[in-house]
Each structure stands twice: as C-alpha cells, then as structure tokens.
Amino acid sequence: AIVKKQIGRLKEPCLKCVDLVVQELSNVVRICTERMSRYPRLREETERIIMSHVRSREQMCKDQLVLLIDCELA
C-alpha cells in the first residue's frame, strides 16, 4: 500500500518532465531555424513539420508513461 501510494505520486512529475522536454526541444528548433532567416517560408515550414512531429510523439510518450505507471500500480 505504501509503495502504491509513492508510485501514484510519480505520474504528475513524469508528465511535467515530458512538457519541459518538449518546451526545450521547441527552443532548440527555434534557435536552429534562425539560421534560415533568409528563407522565411522554408523556416516556417521546417518549424511546423518538426514541431508537429514532436507534438505527436509527446502524446505517445505521455500515454506510455501513464500506461507504465498504471501497470506498476496493478
């Protein structure tokens, strides 16, 4: 019972960590695409494609974390 309570408390920090990683990736993408300032449409499209991929993986990662924690609680 004590261990289950502690495992349950891990869910929120894990999801917060994923959010922080996505935020940092967003910053890195923005910094990297600043070098393409001469080509604004290419820059925008590159950022859009990369960030849409990151967002889709973000949700998959969160789903996997929740599933893992739920499995540990079972």
C-alpha atoms as a PDB file:
ATOM      1  CA  ALA A   1       0.000   0.000   0.000  1.00  0.00           C
ATOM      2  CA  ILE A   2       2.850   2.381   0.834  1.00  0.00           C
ATOM      3  CA  VAL A   3       4.669   1.614  -2.417  1.00  0.00           C
ATOM      4  CA  LYS A   4       1.493   2.034  -4.479  1.00  0.00           C
ATOM      5  CA  LYS A   5       0.960   5.455  -2.952  1.00  0.00           C
ATOM      6  CA  GLN A   6       4.510   6.507  -3.849  1.00  0.00           C
ATOM      7  CA  ILE A   7       4.222   5.123  -7.402  1.00  0.00           C
ATOM      8  CA  GLY A   8       0.967   7.024  -7.874  1.00  0.00           C
ATOM      9  CA  ARG A   9       2.725  10.235  -6.914  1.00  0.00           C
ATOM     10  CA  LEU A  10       5.189   9.785  -9.796  1.00  0.00           C
ATOM     11  CA  LYS A  11       2.603  10.305 -12.533  1.00  0.00           C
ATOM     12  CA  GLU A  12       2.370  14.090 -12.313  1.00  0.00           C
ATOM     13  CA  PRO A  13       6.145  14.781 -12.201  1.00  0.00           C
ATOM     14  CA  CYS A  14       6.705  12.420 -15.148  1.00  0.00           C
ATOM     15  CA  LEU A  15       4.151  14.224 -17.283  1.00  0.00           C
ATOM     16  CA  LYS A  16       5.599  17.587 -16.238  1.00  0.00           C
ATOM     17  CA  CYS A  17       9.052  16.366 -17.291  1.00  0.00           C
ATOM     18  CA  VAL A  18       7.732  15.495 -20.756  1.00  0.00           C
ATOM     19  CA  ASP A  19       6.290  19.013 -21.037  1.00  0.00           C
ATOM     20  CA  LEU A  20       9.651  20.526 -20.087  1.00  0.00           C
ATOM     21  CA  VAL A  21      11.480  18.384 -22.647  1.00  0.00           C
ATOM     22  CA  VAL A  22       9.046  19.440 -25.373  1.00  0.00           C
ATOM     23  CA  GLN A  23       9.498  23.073 -24.391  1.00  0.00           C
ATOM     24  CA  GLU A  24      13.278  22.721 -24.592  1.00  0.00           C
ATOM     25  CA  LEU A  25      13.039  20.989 -27.971  1.00  0.00           C
ATOM     26  CA  SER A  26      10.878  23.851 -29.190  1.00  0.00           C
ATOM     27  CA  ASN A  27      13.538  26.333 -28.107  1.00  0.00           C
ATOM     28  CA  VAL A  28      16.267  24.341 -29.852  1.00  0.00           C
ATOM     29  CA  VAL A  29      14.244  24.150 -33.068  1.00  0.00           C
ATOM     30  CA  ARG A  30      13.649  27.888 -32.981  1.00  0.00           C
ATOM     31  CA  ILE A  31      17.350  28.592 -32.441  1.00  0.00           C
ATOM     32  CA  CYS A  32      18.356  26.228 -35.239  1.00  0.00           C
ATOM     33  CA  THR A  33      15.882  27.642 -37.728  1.00  0.00           C
ATOM     34  CA  GLU A  34      17.019  31.212 -37.063  1.00  0.00           C
ATOM     35  CA  ARG A  35      19.903  30.424 -39.406  1.00  0.00           C
ATOM     36  CA  MET A  36      17.367  30.094 -42.191  1.00  0.00           C
ATOM     37  CA  SER A  37      16.121  33.669 -41.799  1.00  0.00           C
ATOM     38  CA  ARG A  38      16.869  34.415 -45.448  1.00  0.00           C
ATOM     39  CA  TYR A  39      14.229  31.873 -46.399  1.00  0.00           C
ATOM     40  CA  PRO A  40      11.182  32.696 -44.259  1.00  0.00           C
ATOM     41  CA  ARG A  41       8.782  30.225 -45.885  1.00  0.00           C
ATOM     42  CA  LEU A  42      11.304  27.396 -45.604  1.00  0.00           C
ATOM     43  CA  ARG A  43      11.915  28.330 -41.987  1.00  0.00           C
ATOM     44  CA  GLU A  44       8.205  28.366 -41.136  1.00  0.00           C
ATOM     45  CA  GLU A  45       7.559  25.071 -42.889  1.00  0.00           C
ATOM     46  CA  THR A  46      10.566  23.425 -41.250  1.00  0.00           C
ATOM     47  CA  GLU A  47       9.433  24.558 -37.807  1.00  0.00           C
ATOM     48  CA  ARG A  48       5.875  23.434 -38.492  1.00  0.00           C
ATOM     49  CA  ILE A  49       6.907  19.939 -39.629  1.00  0.00           C
ATOM     50  CA  ILE A  50       9.356  19.383 -36.785  1.00  0.00           C
ATOM     51  CA  MET A  51       7.016  20.682 -34.090  1.00  0.00           C
ATOM     52  CA  SER A  52       4.053  18.672 -35.357  1.00  0.00           C
ATOM     53  CA  HIS A  53       6.206  15.540 -35.150  1.00  0.00           C
ATOM     54  CA  VAL A  54       7.384  16.466 -31.639  1.00  0.00           C
ATOM     55  CA  ARG A  55       3.783  17.068 -30.509  1.00  0.00           C
ATOM     56  CA  SER A  56       2.605  13.716 -31.839  1.00  0.00           C
ATOM     57  CA  ARG A  57       5.474  11.963 -30.076  1.00  0.00           C
ATOM     58  CA  GLU A  58       4.762  13.960 -26.924  1.00  0.00           C
ATOM     59  CA  GLN A  59       1.278  12.486 -26.674  1.00  0.00           C
ATOM     60  CA  MET A  60       2.564   8.975 -27.376  1.00  0.00           C
ATOM     61  CA  CYS A  61       5.199   9.406 -24.662  1.00  0.00           C
ATOM     62  CA  LYS A  62       2.644  10.622 -22.129  1.00  0.00           C
ATOM     63  CA  ASP A  63       0.353   7.709 -22.958  1.00  0.00           C
ATOM     64  CA  GLN A  64       3.207   5.245 -22.459  1.00  0.00           C
ATOM     65  CA  LEU A  65       4.173   6.816 -19.125  1.00  0.00           C
ATOM     66  CA  VAL A  66       0.615   6.658 -17.837  1.00  0.00           C
ATOM     67  CA  LEU A  67       0.336   3.048 -19.002  1.00  0.00           C
ATOM     68  CA  LEU A  68       3.608   2.119 -17.302  1.00  0.00           C
ATOM     69  CA  ILE A  69       2.583   3.732 -14.015  1.00  0.00           C
ATOM     70  CA  ASP A  70      -0.841   2.076 -14.191  1.00  0.00           C
ATOM     71  CA  CYS A  71       0.841  -1.294 -14.793  1.00  0.00           C
ATOM     72  CA  GLU A  72       3.072  -0.757 -11.774  1.00  0.00           C
ATOM     73  CA  LEU A  73       0.022   0.074  -9.672  1.00  0.00           C
ATOM     74  CA  ALA A  74      -1.868  -3.042 -10.796  1.00  0.00           C
END
